């Protein structure tokens, strides 16, 4: 019995379309496998880069109900730090830090967060390159693989206040919650249970956070100056004063005078207020207390800058270009 031409054409067409579909699925599988291999190689390359110096990067800041968390993620170059994928990573990790169980414990002074705990928190980056949810550790590794640089989570802190507020200042912030330099200050008003002076505290806190960034204090009060640091400065002052050839009693007065000057430079309460150098920070607090009728005090502060304490490598770009040209 001869085949119906119409049926034959239909069968051939269905078979051809099935073949195309299978080929398409096979091609998709090949692409997915290739992409997976590329990602694996990228992650492996990122691991190899982990020994390279990463002193650039950004700070990420996230406020929560009673405080704020700040994290630092480093890269090798400022070019990567300006990348929107890197910035999305920093913001996501900062938000993750603000949700850790540890931040529920009040700490008016800077408290370090456990990086291992933070690395296990899941995040979802707001970026087309990484659309799925993954833990912080894997997110950092993937961004390192994509950017081709050593990217690492270096440190994380939080501050909170049970009876006051934590104010922050981001210097030259490229976007909300991002900066290379940040200041945090915990301020509270005595017996202000209902928060009736919150607006005054916000204004004071913002001013103090900006001051901390500009003035670089090391200690909150004279009483909190480390004894070893004080003795070290005393010895330096004594050595400097001794070269003047003055009597011992005069040398002693010179030493005390220079130590007092040192205190004014490194102790927050003794510093001149950067916005009005006619008054010191302790005077600013007294004026605020007089205005609201209650004692206002600074509980703690944090000044943090990207890359501080990391020894940066000096690069000879001319030599690098010459070497590449050979």
C-alpha atoms as a PDB file:
ATOM      1  CA  UNK A   1       0.000   0.000   0.000  1.00  0.00           C
ATOM      2  CA  UNK A   2       1.626   3.289  -1.046  1.00  0.00           C
ATOM      3  CA  UNK A   3       2.297   5.886   1.688  1.00  0.00           C
ATOM      4  CA  UNK A   4       0.194   9.001   1.785  1.00  0.00           C
ATOM      5  CA  UNK A   5       2.443  11.860   0.617  1.00  0.00           C
ATOM      6  CA  UNK A   6       0.886  14.234   3.131  1.00  0.00           C
ATOM      7  CA  UNK A   7       1.499  11.761   5.984  1.00  0.00           C
ATOM      8  CA  UNK A   8       5.061  11.251   4.814  1.00  0.00           C
ATOM      9  CA  UNK A   9       5.790  14.981   4.800  1.00  0.00           C
ATOM     10  CA  UNK A  10       4.307  15.360   8.276  1.00  0.00           C
ATOM     11  CA  UNK A  11       6.394  12.472   9.634  1.00  0.00           C
ATOM     12  CA  UNK A  12       9.566  13.890   8.119  1.00  0.00           C
ATOM     13  CA  UNK A  13       8.808  17.355   9.553  1.00  0.00           C
ATOM     14  CA  UNK A  14       8.063  15.976  13.043  1.00  0.00           C
ATOM     15  CA  UNK A  15      11.243  13.920  12.964  1.00  0.00           C
ATOM     16  CA  UNK A  16      13.314  16.907  11.864  1.00  0.00           C
ATOM     17  CA  UNK A  17      11.841  19.145  14.563  1.00  0.00           C
ATOM     18  CA  UNK A  18      12.485  16.447  17.194  1.00  0.00           C
ATOM     19  CA  UNK A  19      16.093  16.229  16.033  1.00  0.00           C
ATOM     20  CA  UNK A  20      16.495  20.005  16.268  1.00  0.00           C
ATOM     21  CA  UNK A  21      14.992  20.039  19.759  1.00  0.00           C
ATOM     22  CA  UNK A  22      17.300  17.265  20.944  1.00  0.00           C
ATOM     23  CA  UNK A  23      20.264  19.011  19.356  1.00  0.00           C
ATOM     24  CA  UNK A  24      19.268  22.270  21.023  1.00  0.00           C
ATOM     25  CA  UNK A  25      18.964  20.566  24.408  1.00  0.00           C
ATOM     26  CA  UNK A  26      22.312  18.906  23.875  1.00  0.00           C
ATOM     27  CA  UNK A  27      23.875  22.225  22.979  1.00  0.00           C
ATOM     28  CA  UNK A  28      22.375  23.814  26.071  1.00  0.00           C
ATOM     29  CA  UNK A  29      23.812  21.029  28.180  1.00  0.00           C
ATOM     30  CA  UNK A  30      27.196  21.508  26.553  1.00  0.00           C
ATOM     31  CA  UNK A  31      27.054  25.267  27.264  1.00  0.00           C
ATOM     32  CA  UNK A  32      26.036  24.671  30.890  1.00  0.00           C
ATOM     33  CA  UNK A  33      28.837  22.140  31.363  1.00  0.00           C
ATOM     34  CA  UNK A  34      31.346  24.528  29.791  1.00  0.00           C
ATOM     35  CA  UNK A  35      30.148  27.381  31.955  1.00  0.00           C
ATOM     36  CA  UNK A  36      30.439  25.189  35.068  1.00  0.00           C
ATOM     37  CA  UNK A  37      33.993  24.273  34.108  1.00  0.00           C
ATOM     38  CA  UNK A  38      34.859  27.922  33.543  1.00  0.00           C
ATOM     39  CA  UNK A  39      33.445  28.820  36.955  1.00  0.00           C
ATOM     40  CA  UNK A  40      35.451  26.019  38.563  1.00  0.00           C
ATOM     41  CA  UNK A  41      38.619  27.250  36.875  1.00  0.00           C
ATOM     42  CA  UNK A  42      37.793  30.814  37.917  1.00  0.00           C
ATOM     43  CA  UNK A  43      37.330  29.771  41.544  1.00  0.00           C
ATOM     44  CA  UNK A  44      40.565  27.804  41.433  1.00  0.00           C
ATOM     45  CA  UNK A  45      42.355  30.828  39.999  1.00  0.00           C
ATOM     46  CA  UNK A  46      40.835  33.005  42.714  1.00  0.00           C
ATOM     47  CA  UNK A  47      42.241  30.626  45.339  1.00  0.00           C
ATOM     48  CA  UNK A  48      45.713  30.985  43.806  1.00  0.00           C
ATOM     49  CA  UNK A  49      45.379  34.772  43.976  1.00  0.00           C
ATOM     50  CA  UNK A  50      44.587  34.697  47.717  1.00  0.00           C
ATOM     51  CA  UNK A  51      48.246  35.266  48.615  1.00  0.00           C
ATOM     52  CA  UNK A  52      48.391  38.536  46.693  1.00  0.00           C
ATOM     53  CA  UNK A  53      48.154  41.800  48.617  1.00  0.00           C
ATOM     54  CA  UNK A  54      44.612  43.217  48.707  1.00  0.00           C
ATOM     55  CA  UNK A  55      44.704  46.635  50.358  1.00  0.00           C
ATOM     56  CA  UNK A  56      42.007  48.414  48.350  1.00  0.00           C
ATOM     57  CA  UNK A  57      38.270  47.845  48.622  1.00  0.00           C
ATOM     58  CA  UNK A  58      35.294  49.289  50.446  1.00  0.00           C
ATOM     59  CA  UNK A  59      33.511  49.458  53.770  1.00  0.00           C
ATOM     60  CA  UNK A  60      29.858  48.499  53.935  1.00  0.00           C
ATOM     61  CA  UNK A  61      27.557  49.945  56.604  1.00  0.00           C
ATOM     62  CA  UNK A  62      24.118  48.699  57.641  1.00  0.00           C
ATOM     63  CA  UNK A  63      22.012  50.115  60.471  1.00  0.00           C
ATOM     64  CA  UNK A  64      19.697  47.942  62.530  1.00  0.00           C
ATOM     65  CA  UNK A  65      17.183  48.903  65.236  1.00  0.00           C
ATOM     66  CA  UNK A  66      19.631  49.803  67.995  1.00  0.00           C
ATOM     67  CA  UNK A  67      22.950  50.087  66.199  1.00  0.00           C
ATOM     68  CA  UNK A  68      25.034  49.572  63.111  1.00  0.00           C
ATOM     69  CA  UNK A  69      27.367  46.999  61.583  1.00  0.00           C
ATOM     70  CA  UNK A  70      30.344  47.820  59.388  1.00  0.00           C
ATOM     71  CA  UNK A  71      32.398  45.378  57.316  1.00  0.00           C
ATOM     72  CA  UNK A  72      35.512  45.659  55.173  1.00  0.00           C
ATOM     73  CA  UNK A  73      36.023  43.718  51.947  1.00  0.00           C
ATOM     74  CA  UNK A  74      39.345  44.135  50.172  1.00  0.00           C
ATOM     75  CA  UNK A  75      40.384  43.966  46.537  1.00  0.00           C
ATOM     76  CA  UNK A  76      43.756  44.416  44.874  1.00  0.00           C
ATOM     77  CA  UNK A  77      42.841  47.552  42.944  1.00  0.00           C
ATOM     78  CA  UNK A  78      40.580  50.545  43.285  1.00  0.00           C
ATOM     79  CA  UNK A  79      39.301  49.715  39.785  1.00  0.00           C
ATOM     80  CA  UNK A  80      37.575  46.573  41.109  1.00  0.00           C
ATOM     81  CA  UNK A  81      36.329  48.466  44.188  1.00  0.00           C
ATOM     82  CA  UNK A  82      34.423  50.781  41.821  1.00  0.00           C
ATOM     83  CA  UNK A  83      32.816  47.806  40.060  1.00  0.00           C
ATOM     84  CA  UNK A  84      29.070  47.506  40.687  1.00  0.00           C
ATOM     85  CA  UNK A  85      29.326  43.737  41.309  1.00  0.00           C
ATOM     86  CA  UNK A  86      31.923  44.307  44.030  1.00  0.00           C
ATOM     87  CA  UNK A  87      29.814  47.081  45.549  1.00  0.00           C
ATOM     88  CA  UNK A  88      26.743  44.831  45.536  1.00  0.00           C
ATOM     89  CA  UNK A  89      28.783  42.208  47.406  1.00  0.00           C
ATOM     90  CA  UNK A  90      29.893  44.725  50.059  1.00  0.00           C
ATOM     91  CA  UNK A  91      26.361  45.989  50.671  1.00  0.00           C
ATOM     92  CA  UNK A  92      24.931  42.465  50.857  1.00  0.00           C
ATOM     93  CA  UNK A  93      27.545  41.332  53.375  1.00  0.00           C
ATOM     94  CA  UNK A  94      26.994  44.448  55.509  1.00  0.00           C
ATOM     95  CA  UNK A  95      23.261  43.697  55.654  1.00  0.00           C
ATOM     96  CA  UNK A  96      24.057  40.090  56.543  1.00  0.00           C
ATOM     97  CA  UNK A  97      26.314  41.278  59.372  1.00  0.00           C
ATOM     98  CA  UNK A  98      23.485  43.366  60.815  1.00  0.00           C
ATOM     99  CA  UNK A  99      21.315  40.236  61.109  1.00  0.00           C
ATOM    100  CA  UNK A 100      23.790  38.087  63.041  1.00  0.00           C
ATOM    101  CA  UNK A 101      22.696  36.852  66.440  1.00  0.00           C
ATOM    102  CA  UNK A 102      25.750  38.504  68.016  1.00  0.00           C
ATOM    103  CA  UNK A 103      24.473  42.021  67.298  1.00  0.00           C
ATOM    104  CA  UNK A 104      21.494  41.372  69.581  1.00  0.00           C
ATOM    105  CA  UNK A 105      23.912  41.687  72.504  1.00  0.00           C
ATOM    106  CA  UNK A 106      24.280  45.379  73.337  1.00  0.00           C
ATOM    107  CA  UNK A 107      27.802  46.745  72.931  1.00  0.00           C
ATOM    108  CA  UNK A 108      28.220  50.515  73.055  1.00  0.00           C
ATOM    109  CA  UNK A 109      31.902  50.042  72.243  1.00  0.00           C
ATOM    110  CA  UNK A 110      33.127  48.516  68.952  1.00  0.00           C
ATOM    111  CA  UNK A 111      32.779  44.723  69.057  1.00  0.00           C
ATOM    112  CA  UNK A 112      34.315  42.442  66.446  1.00  0.00           C
ATOM    113  CA  UNK A 113      32.013  39.984  64.699  1.00  0.00           C
ATOM    114  CA  UNK A 114      33.091  36.393  64.082  1.00  0.00           C
ATOM    115  CA  UNK A 115      34.015  36.211  60.390  1.00  0.00           C
ATOM    116  CA  UNK A 116      33.354  32.463  60.266  1.00  0.00           C
ATOM    117  CA  UNK A 117      29.759  33.020  61.433  1.00  0.00           C
ATOM    118  CA  UNK A 118      29.331  35.814  58.908  1.00  0.00           C
ATOM    119  CA  UNK A 119      30.707  33.704  56.049  1.00  0.00           C
ATOM    120  CA  UNK A 120      27.993  31.088  56.626  1.00  0.00           C
ATOM    121  CA  UNK A 121      25.091  33.554  56.264  1.00  0.00           C
ATOM    122  CA  UNK A 122      23.224  33.360  52.956  1.00  0.00           C
ATOM    123  CA  UNK A 123      23.012  36.467  50.774  1.00  0.00           C
ATOM    124  CA  UNK A 124      21.609  37.325  47.379  1.00  0.00           C
ATOM    125  CA  UNK A 125      23.555  39.896  45.414  1.00  0.00           C
ATOM    126  CA  UNK A 126      21.545  42.508  43.559  1.00  0.00           C
ATOM    127  CA  UNK A 127      23.446  41.961  40.315  1.00  0.00           C
ATOM    128  CA  UNK A 128      22.894  40.143  37.012  1.00  0.00           C
ATOM    129  CA  UNK A 129      26.217  38.264  37.245  1.00  0.00           C
ATOM    130  CA  UNK A 130      25.148  36.359  40.372  1.00  0.00           C
ATOM    131  CA  UNK A 131      21.393  35.932  40.643  1.00  0.00           C
ATOM    132  CA  UNK A 132      21.122  32.989  43.028  1.00  0.00           C
ATOM    133  CA  UNK A 133      21.359  32.899  46.811  1.00  0.00           C
ATOM    134  CA  UNK A 134      24.630  31.635  48.303  1.00  0.00           C
ATOM    135  CA  UNK A 135      26.629  31.968  51.498  1.00  0.00           C
ATOM    136  CA  UNK A 136      28.929  34.952  52.050  1.00  0.00           C
ATOM    137  CA  UNK A 137      32.066  32.817  51.716  1.00  0.00           C
ATOM    138  CA  UNK A 138      31.003  31.514  48.293  1.00  0.00           C
ATOM    139  CA  UNK A 139      29.807  34.947  47.183  1.00  0.00           C
ATOM    140  CA  UNK A 140      33.234  36.435  47.959  1.00  0.00           C
ATOM    141  CA  UNK A 141      34.938  33.574  46.070  1.00  0.00           C
ATOM    142  CA  UNK A 142      32.720  34.012  43.025  1.00  0.00           C
ATOM    143  CA  UNK A 143      33.293  37.751  42.867  1.00  0.00           C
ATOM    144  CA  UNK A 144      37.018  37.031  43.091  1.00  0.00           C
ATOM    145  CA  UNK A 145      36.693  34.581  40.192  1.00  0.00           C
ATOM    146  CA  UNK A 146      34.729  37.042  38.054  1.00  0.00           C
ATOM    147  CA  UNK A 147      36.941  40.061  38.747  1.00  0.00           C
ATOM    148  CA  UNK A 148      40.204  38.122  38.556  1.00  0.00           C
ATOM    149  CA  UNK A 149      41.531  39.655  41.773  1.00  0.00           C
ATOM    150  CA  UNK A 150      42.134  38.575  45.343  1.00  0.00           C
ATOM    151  CA  UNK A 151      38.886  39.566  47.062  1.00  0.00           C
ATOM    152  CA  UNK A 152      38.540  38.877  50.772  1.00  0.00           C
ATOM    153  CA  UNK A 153      36.348  39.656  53.756  1.00  0.00           C
ATOM    154  CA  UNK A 154      38.817  41.198  56.196  1.00  0.00           C
ATOM    155  CA  UNK A 155      36.901  42.349  59.295  1.00  0.00           C
ATOM    156  CA  UNK A 156      33.493  43.220  60.709  1.00  0.00           C
ATOM    157  CA  UNK A 157      32.335  45.235  63.717  1.00  0.00           C
ATOM    158  CA  UNK A 158      29.110  46.359  65.309  1.00  0.00           C
ATOM    159  CA  UNK A 159      28.056  48.963  67.861  1.00  0.00           C
ATOM    160  CA  UNK A 160      24.723  49.332  69.609  1.00  0.00           C
ATOM    161  CA  UNK A 161      23.068  51.366  72.323  1.00  0.00           C
ATOM    162  CA  UNK A 162      20.369  50.234  74.729  1.00  0.00           C
ATOM    163  CA  UNK A 163      19.377  53.736  75.836  1.00  0.00           C
ATOM    164  CA  UNK A 164      20.732  55.949  73.070  1.00  0.00           C
ATOM    165  CA  UNK A 165      21.659  55.852  69.400  1.00  0.00           C
ATOM    166  CA  UNK A 166      24.543  54.884  67.134  1.00  0.00           C
ATOM    167  CA  UNK A 167      25.318  57.539  64.527  1.00  0.00           C
ATOM    168  CA  UNK A 168      27.537  57.106  61.508  1.00  0.00           C
ATOM    169  CA  UNK A 169      29.395  59.167  58.949  1.00  0.00           C
ATOM    170  CA  UNK A 170      30.689  57.870  55.610  1.00  0.00           C
ATOM    171  CA  UNK A 171      33.365  60.043  54.055  1.00  0.00           C
ATOM    172  CA  UNK A 172      33.008  60.630  50.300  1.00  0.00           C
ATOM    173  CA  UNK A 173      30.537  57.786  49.921  1.00  0.00           C
ATOM    174  CA  UNK A 174      30.208  56.519  46.309  1.00  0.00           C
ATOM    175  CA  UNK A 175      26.757  55.130  47.144  1.00  0.00           C
ATOM    176  CA  UNK A 176      24.503  54.773  50.177  1.00  0.00           C
ATOM    177  CA  UNK A 177      26.127  52.448  52.712  1.00  0.00           C
ATOM    178  CA  UNK A 178      29.544  52.433  51.017  1.00  0.00           C
ATOM    179  CA  UNK A 179      32.780  54.264  51.741  1.00  0.00           C
ATOM    180  CA  UNK A 180      36.527  53.906  52.237  1.00  0.00           C
ATOM    181  CA  UNK A 181      36.438  55.745  55.562  1.00  0.00           C
ATOM    182  CA  UNK A 182      33.748  55.650  58.245  1.00  0.00           C
ATOM    183  CA  UNK A 183      33.062  56.871  61.747  1.00  0.00           C
ATOM    184  CA  UNK A 184      30.579  55.468  64.279  1.00  0.00           C
ATOM    185  CA  UNK A 185      29.644  56.989  67.629  1.00  0.00           C
ATOM    186  CA  UNK A 186      27.390  55.655  70.377  1.00  0.00           C
ATOM    187  CA  UNK A 187      25.672  58.486  72.290  1.00  0.00           C
ATOM    188  CA  UNK A 188      23.079  58.373  75.050  1.00  0.00           C
ATOM    189  CA  UNK A 189      21.212  60.732  77.352  1.00  0.00           C
ATOM    190  CA  UNK A 190      20.871  59.879  81.032  1.00  0.00           C
ATOM    191  CA  UNK A 191      17.421  58.471  81.961  1.00  0.00           C
ATOM    192  CA  UNK A 192      15.973  59.178  78.520  1.00  0.00           C
ATOM    193  CA  UNK A 193      13.741  56.098  78.592  1.00  0.00           C
ATOM    194  CA  UNK A 194      11.131  57.438  76.169  1.00  0.00           C
ATOM    195  CA  UNK A 195      13.605  58.784  73.639  1.00  0.00           C
ATOM    196  CA  UNK A 196      12.257  62.321  74.001  1.00  0.00           C
ATOM    197  CA  UNK A 197      15.647  63.771  73.035  1.00  0.00           C
ATOM    198  CA  UNK A 198      16.237  61.545  70.000  1.00  0.00           C
ATOM    199  CA  UNK A 199      16.452  64.437  67.517  1.00  0.00           C
ATOM    200  CA  UNK A 200      19.054  66.223  69.640  1.00  0.00           C
ATOM    201  CA  UNK A 201      20.983  62.949  69.923  1.00  0.00           C
ATOM    202  CA  UNK A 202      20.852  62.380  66.160  1.00  0.00           C
ATOM    203  CA  UNK A 203      22.253  65.836  65.467  1.00  0.00           C
ATOM    204  CA  UNK A 204      24.957  65.449  68.113  1.00  0.00           C
ATOM    205  CA  UNK A 205      25.817  61.919  66.986  1.00  0.00           C
ATOM    206  CA  UNK A 206      26.185  62.904  63.334  1.00  0.00           C
ATOM    207  CA  UNK A 207      28.496  65.774  64.253  1.00  0.00           C
ATOM    208  CA  UNK A 208      30.604  63.552  66.488  1.00  0.00           C
ATOM    209  CA  UNK A 209      30.875  60.776  63.875  1.00  0.00           C
ATOM    210  CA  UNK A 210      32.168  63.315  61.360  1.00  0.00           C
ATOM    211  CA  UNK A 211      34.588  64.669  63.973  1.00  0.00           C
ATOM    212  CA  UNK A 212      35.934  61.160  64.688  1.00  0.00           C
ATOM    213  CA  UNK A 213      36.739  60.672  61.010  1.00  0.00           C
ATOM    214  CA  UNK A 214      38.500  64.038  60.744  1.00  0.00           C
ATOM    215  CA  UNK A 215      40.306  64.153  64.110  1.00  0.00           C
ATOM    216  CA  UNK A 216      41.436  60.491  64.414  1.00  0.00           C
ATOM    217  CA  UNK A 217      41.036  60.037  68.198  1.00  0.00           C
ATOM    218  CA  UNK A 218      42.576  56.919  69.749  1.00  0.00           C
ATOM    219  CA  UNK A 219      40.965  56.971  73.195  1.00  0.00           C
ATOM    220  CA  UNK A 220      37.648  58.197  74.603  1.00  0.00           C
ATOM    221  CA  UNK A 221      38.968  59.721  77.841  1.00  0.00           C
ATOM    222  CA  UNK A 222      42.250  60.339  79.649  1.00  0.00           C
ATOM    223  CA  UNK A 223      41.506  57.457  82.006  1.00  0.00           C
ATOM    224  CA  UNK A 224      41.314  55.051  79.095  1.00  0.00           C
ATOM    225  CA  UNK A 225      44.720  55.909  77.610  1.00  0.00           C
ATOM    226  CA  UNK A 226      46.796  52.750  77.599  1.00  0.00           C
ATOM    227  CA  UNK A 227      49.528  52.862  80.256  1.00  0.00           C
ATOM    228  CA  UNK A 228      52.178  51.491  77.885  1.00  0.00           C
ATOM    229  CA  UNK A 229      51.325  54.103  75.286  1.00  0.00           C
ATOM    230  CA  UNK A 230      51.487  56.841  77.917  1.00  0.00           C
ATOM    231  CA  UNK A 231      54.866  55.646  79.189  1.00  0.00           C
ATOM    232  CA  UNK A 232      56.195  55.461  75.643  1.00  0.00           C
ATOM    233  CA  UNK A 233      55.139  59.057  74.975  1.00  0.00           C
ATOM    234  CA  UNK A 234      56.570  60.167  78.331  1.00  0.00           C
ATOM    235  CA  UNK A 235      59.986  58.712  77.420  1.00  0.00           C
ATOM    236  CA  UNK A 236      59.923  60.446  74.033  1.00  0.00           C
ATOM    237  CA  UNK A 237      58.989  63.779  75.634  1.00  0.00           C
ATOM    238  CA  UNK A 238      61.699  63.358  78.269  1.00  0.00           C
ATOM    239  CA  UNK A 239      64.338  62.634  75.627  1.00  0.00           C
ATOM    240  CA  UNK A 240      63.288  65.707  73.637  1.00  0.00           C
ATOM    241  CA  UNK A 241      63.235  67.971  76.695  1.00  0.00           C
ATOM    242  CA  UNK A 242      66.616  66.740  77.960  1.00  0.00           C
ATOM    243  CA  UNK A 243      68.392  68.094  74.881  1.00  0.00           C
ATOM    244  CA  UNK A 244      67.423  71.641  75.922  1.00  0.00           C
ATOM    245  CA  UNK A 245      70.004  71.569  78.748  1.00  0.00           C
ATOM    246  CA  UNK A 246      67.464  72.749  81.336  1.00  0.00           C
ATOM    247  CA  UNK A 247      67.382  71.897  85.076  1.00  0.00           C
ATOM    248  CA  UNK A 248      65.530  68.708  86.038  1.00  0.00           C
ATOM    249  CA  UNK A 249      62.509  70.531  87.484  1.00  0.00           C
ATOM    250  CA  UNK A 250      62.134  72.515  84.246  1.00  0.00           C
ATOM    251  CA  UNK A 251      62.518  69.358  82.160  1.00  0.00           C
ATOM    252  CA  UNK A 252      59.762  67.736  84.202  1.00  0.00           C
ATOM    253  CA  UNK A 253      57.403  70.645  83.527  1.00  0.00           C
ATOM    254  CA  UNK A 254      58.231  70.480  79.820  1.00  0.00           C
ATOM    255  CA  UNK A 255      57.454  66.752  79.796  1.00  0.00           C
ATOM    256  CA  UNK A 256      54.087  67.250  81.513  1.00  0.00           C
ATOM    257  CA  UNK A 257      53.245  70.069  79.107  1.00  0.00           C
ATOM    258  CA  UNK A 258      54.009  67.925  76.088  1.00  0.00           C
ATOM    259  CA  UNK A 259      52.032  65.012  77.514  1.00  0.00           C
ATOM    260  CA  UNK A 260      49.050  67.320  77.998  1.00  0.00           C
ATOM    261  CA  UNK A 261      49.397  68.332  74.345  1.00  0.00           C
ATOM    262  CA  UNK A 262      49.493  64.679  73.336  1.00  0.00           C
ATOM    263  CA  UNK A 263      46.281  64.040  75.292  1.00  0.00           C
ATOM    264  CA  UNK A 264      44.568  66.855  73.426  1.00  0.00           C
ATOM    265  CA  UNK A 265      45.531  65.221  70.153  1.00  0.00           C
ATOM    266  CA  UNK A 266      44.486  61.590  70.809  1.00  0.00           C
ATOM    267  CA  UNK A 267      41.728  61.716  73.466  1.00  0.00           C
ATOM    268  CA  UNK A 268      38.283  62.358  71.983  1.00  0.00           C
ATOM    269  CA  UNK A 269      36.867  64.301  74.939  1.00  0.00           C
ATOM    270  CA  UNK A 270      39.964  66.544  75.025  1.00  0.00           C
ATOM    271  CA  UNK A 271      40.071  67.280  71.298  1.00  0.00           C
ATOM    272  CA  UNK A 272      39.025  70.567  69.744  1.00  0.00           C
ATOM    273  CA  UNK A 273      35.737  70.189  67.900  1.00  0.00           C
ATOM    274  CA  UNK A 274      36.568  70.265  64.172  1.00  0.00           C
ATOM    275  CA  UNK A 275      33.454  72.291  63.330  1.00  0.00           C
ATOM    276  CA  UNK A 276      34.259  74.906  65.993  1.00  0.00           C
ATOM    277  CA  UNK A 277      37.805  74.861  67.355  1.00  0.00           C
ATOM    278  CA  UNK A 278      36.904  77.364  70.101  1.00  0.00           C
ATOM    279  CA  UNK A 279      35.371  74.489  72.078  1.00  0.00           C
ATOM    280  CA  UNK A 280      36.425  70.976  72.990  1.00  0.00           C
ATOM    281  CA  UNK A 281      34.282  67.858  72.652  1.00  0.00           C
ATOM    282  CA  UNK A 282      33.710  67.699  76.409  1.00  0.00           C
ATOM    283  CA  UNK A 283      32.403  71.279  76.277  1.00  0.00           C
ATOM    284  CA  UNK A 284      30.113  70.361  73.378  1.00  0.00           C
ATOM    285  CA  UNK A 285      28.617  67.601  75.535  1.00  0.00           C
ATOM    286  CA  UNK A 286      28.125  69.992  78.446  1.00  0.00           C
ATOM    287  CA  UNK A 287      26.331  72.462  76.169  1.00  0.00           C
ATOM    288  CA  UNK A 288      24.047  69.694  74.927  1.00  0.00           C
ATOM    289  CA  UNK A 289      23.334  68.623  78.516  1.00  0.00           C
ATOM    290  CA  UNK A 290      22.441  72.205  79.437  1.00  0.00           C
ATOM    291  CA  UNK A 291      20.123  72.455  76.434  1.00  0.00           C
ATOM    292  CA  UNK A 292      18.125  69.299  77.221  1.00  0.00           C
ATOM    293  CA  UNK A 293      18.473  69.328  80.993  1.00  0.00           C
ATOM    294  CA  UNK A 294      20.045  65.866  81.119  1.00  0.00           C
ATOM    295  CA  UNK A 295      23.581  64.488  80.944  1.00  0.00           C
ATOM    296  CA  UNK A 296      24.695  63.500  77.435  1.00  0.00           C
ATOM    297  CA  UNK A 297      27.649  61.177  77.072  1.00  0.00           C
ATOM    298  CA  UNK A 298      29.637  59.294  74.473  1.00  0.00           C
ATOM    299  CA  UNK A 299      29.650  55.557  75.157  1.00  0.00           C
ATOM    300  CA  UNK A 300      32.050  54.507  72.411  1.00  0.00           C
ATOM    301  CA  UNK A 301      33.372  55.293  68.947  1.00  0.00           C
ATOM    302  CA  UNK A 302      34.966  53.618  65.944  1.00  0.00           C
ATOM    303  CA  UNK A 303      37.044  55.026  63.128  1.00  0.00           C
ATOM    304  CA  UNK A 304      37.744  52.543  60.353  1.00  0.00           C
ATOM    305  CA  UNK A 305      39.540  52.984  57.045  1.00  0.00           C
ATOM    306  CA  UNK A 306      40.043  50.576  54.159  1.00  0.00           C
ATOM    307  CA  UNK A 307      43.459  48.954  54.091  1.00  0.00           C
ATOM    308  CA  UNK A 308      44.783  50.403  57.343  1.00  0.00           C
ATOM    309  CA  UNK A 309      47.489  48.188  58.760  1.00  0.00           C
ATOM    310  CA  UNK A 310      48.093  46.392  55.468  1.00  0.00           C
ATOM    311  CA  UNK A 311      51.519  46.841  53.968  1.00  0.00           C
ATOM    312  CA  UNK A 312      50.971  47.884  50.375  1.00  0.00           C
ATOM    313  CA  UNK A 313      53.324  46.866  47.589  1.00  0.00           C
ATOM    314  CA  UNK A 314      54.924  49.671  45.634  1.00  0.00           C
ATOM    315  CA  UNK A 315      54.525  48.910  41.942  1.00  0.00           C
ATOM    316  CA  UNK A 316      56.844  50.075  39.204  1.00  0.00           C
ATOM    317  CA  UNK A 317      54.352  50.331  36.332  1.00  0.00           C
ATOM    318  CA  UNK A 318      57.015  51.425  33.856  1.00  0.00           C
ATOM    319  CA  UNK A 319      59.003  48.261  34.585  1.00  0.00           C
ATOM    320  CA  UNK A 320      55.846  46.147  34.264  1.00  0.00           C
ATOM    321  CA  UNK A 321      55.036  47.605  30.852  1.00  0.00           C
ATOM    322  CA  UNK A 322      58.625  47.121  29.691  1.00  0.00           C
ATOM    323  CA  UNK A 323      58.592  43.504  30.869  1.00  0.00           C
ATOM    324  CA  UNK A 324      55.309  42.831  29.094  1.00  0.00           C
ATOM    325  CA  UNK A 325      56.679  44.272  25.856  1.00  0.00           C
ATOM    326  CA  UNK A 326      59.632  41.834  25.745  1.00  0.00           C
END
